[in-house]
Amino acid sequence: MEMPEVIPVCYCGNLAKLNMYWSNDNPGRRFFGCNKFGSRFQKPYQFFSWFDPPFTPRSRIMLLGLLKKVRTLEDAKRRERRT
């Protein structure tokens, strides 16, 4: 994974963390968010900045199709192990 030359600083003063987004609109697209994101003890700050450029519509459709195939194969493998 390529690392950015400059890591942004969150509003809380800490370096932002590089995360990956898995929505249907932005599958696999990376973004910077507060390093405290996901902490149950402190609310994360609302810092957000995209790292990757947007996907083309065709790339997004292809990636979603591949993800669906992988999930289908993983589900079949799980079912096979149970029997």
Protein backbone atom coordinates (compact mmCIF):
# COMPACT_ATOMS: atom_id res chain seq x y z
CA MET A 1 0.00 0.00 0.00
CA GLU A 2 1.44 3.33 -0.95
CA MET A 3 1.76 5.77 1.90
CA PRO A 4 1.10 9.46 1.51
CA GLU A 5 3.96 11.91 1.63
CA VAL A 6 2.09 13.98 4.20
CA ILE A 7 -0.31 12.54 6.75
CA PRO A 8 -2.98 15.06 7.72
CA VAL A 9 -3.49 16.07 11.33
CA CYS A 10 -6.95 15.64 12.85
CA TYR A 11 -8.75 18.42 14.67
CA CYS A 12 -7.78 16.65 17.93
CA GLY A 13 -4.09 17.19 17.13
CA ASN A 14 -3.22 13.55 16.35
CA LEU A 15 -2.12 12.21 12.98
CA ALA A 16 -5.10 10.95 10.99
CA LYS A 17 -5.46 7.23 10.35
CA LEU A 18 -5.74 5.76 6.85
CA ASN A 19 -8.93 3.66 6.64
CA MET A 20 -10.80 1.86 3.88
CA TYR A 21 -14.44 2.50 3.00
CA TRP A 22 -16.61 -0.41 1.82
CA SER A 23 -19.88 1.15 0.72
CA ASN A 24 -21.41 0.38 -2.68
CA ASP A 25 -20.58 3.94 -3.76
CA ASN A 26 -16.90 3.79 -2.72
CA PRO A 27 -15.80 0.14 -2.38
CA GLY A 28 -12.20 -0.14 -1.28
CA ARG A 29 -11.62 3.60 -1.42
CA ARG A 30 -9.22 4.87 1.25
CA PHE A 31 -9.70 7.93 3.41
CA PHE A 32 -8.14 9.66 6.37
CA GLY A 33 -10.15 9.85 9.57
CA CYS A 34 -9.58 10.59 13.23
CA ASN A 35 -7.18 8.15 14.88
CA LYS A 36 -9.75 7.77 17.68
CA PHE A 37 -12.35 6.45 15.23
CA GLY A 38 -14.05 3.39 16.67
CA SER A 39 -13.02 4.11 20.24
CA ARG A 40 -15.87 3.41 22.61
CA PHE A 41 -14.34 5.63 25.26
CA GLN A 42 -14.13 8.86 23.30
CA LYS A 43 -16.20 10.25 20.48
CA PRO A 44 -14.17 10.48 17.30
CA TYR A 45 -13.67 13.88 15.83
CA GLN A 46 -15.35 14.52 12.51
CA PHE A 47 -12.13 14.76 10.48
CA PHE A 48 -12.48 13.18 7.03
CA SER A 49 -10.39 13.48 3.87
CA TRP A 50 -10.25 11.17 0.84
CA PHE A 51 -6.85 9.64 0.05
CA ASP A 52 -7.82 7.88 -3.19
CA PRO A 53 -9.44 9.61 -6.15
CA PRO A 54 -13.00 8.54 -7.04
CA PHE A 55 -13.43 5.37 -9.08
CA THR A 56 -14.77 5.55 -12.59
CA PRO A 57 -18.31 4.11 -12.86
CA ARG A 58 -16.98 1.07 -14.75
CA SER A 59 -14.27 0.38 -12.14
CA ARG A 60 -16.81 0.59 -9.33
CA ILE A 61 -19.18 -1.85 -11.10
CA MET A 62 -16.33 -4.30 -11.76
CA LEU A 63 -15.07 -4.14 -8.17
CA LEU A 64 -18.56 -4.67 -6.74
CA GLY A 65 -19.04 -7.66 -9.08
CA LEU A 66 -15.77 -9.21 -7.96
CA LEU A 67 -16.63 -8.66 -4.30
CA LYS A 68 -19.99 -10.37 -4.82
CA LYS A 69 -18.26 -13.38 -6.41
CA VAL A 70 -15.76 -13.62 -3.56
CA ARG A 71 -18.52 -13.48 -0.95
CA THR A 72 -20.52 -16.13 -2.81
CA LEU A 73 -17.48 -18.44 -2.89
CA GLU A 74 -16.72 -17.79 0.79
CA ASP A 75 -20.33 -18.58 1.72
CA ALA A 76 -20.23 -21.82 -0.29
CA LYS A 77 -16.98 -22.81 1.41
CA ARG A 78 -18.49 -22.17 4.85
CA ARG A 79 -21.57 -24.26 4.00
CA GLU A 80 -19.31 -27.05 2.71
CA ARG A 81 -17.34 -27.13 5.98
CA ARG A 82 -20.56 -27.54 8.01
CA THR A 83 -21.54 -30.70 6.18
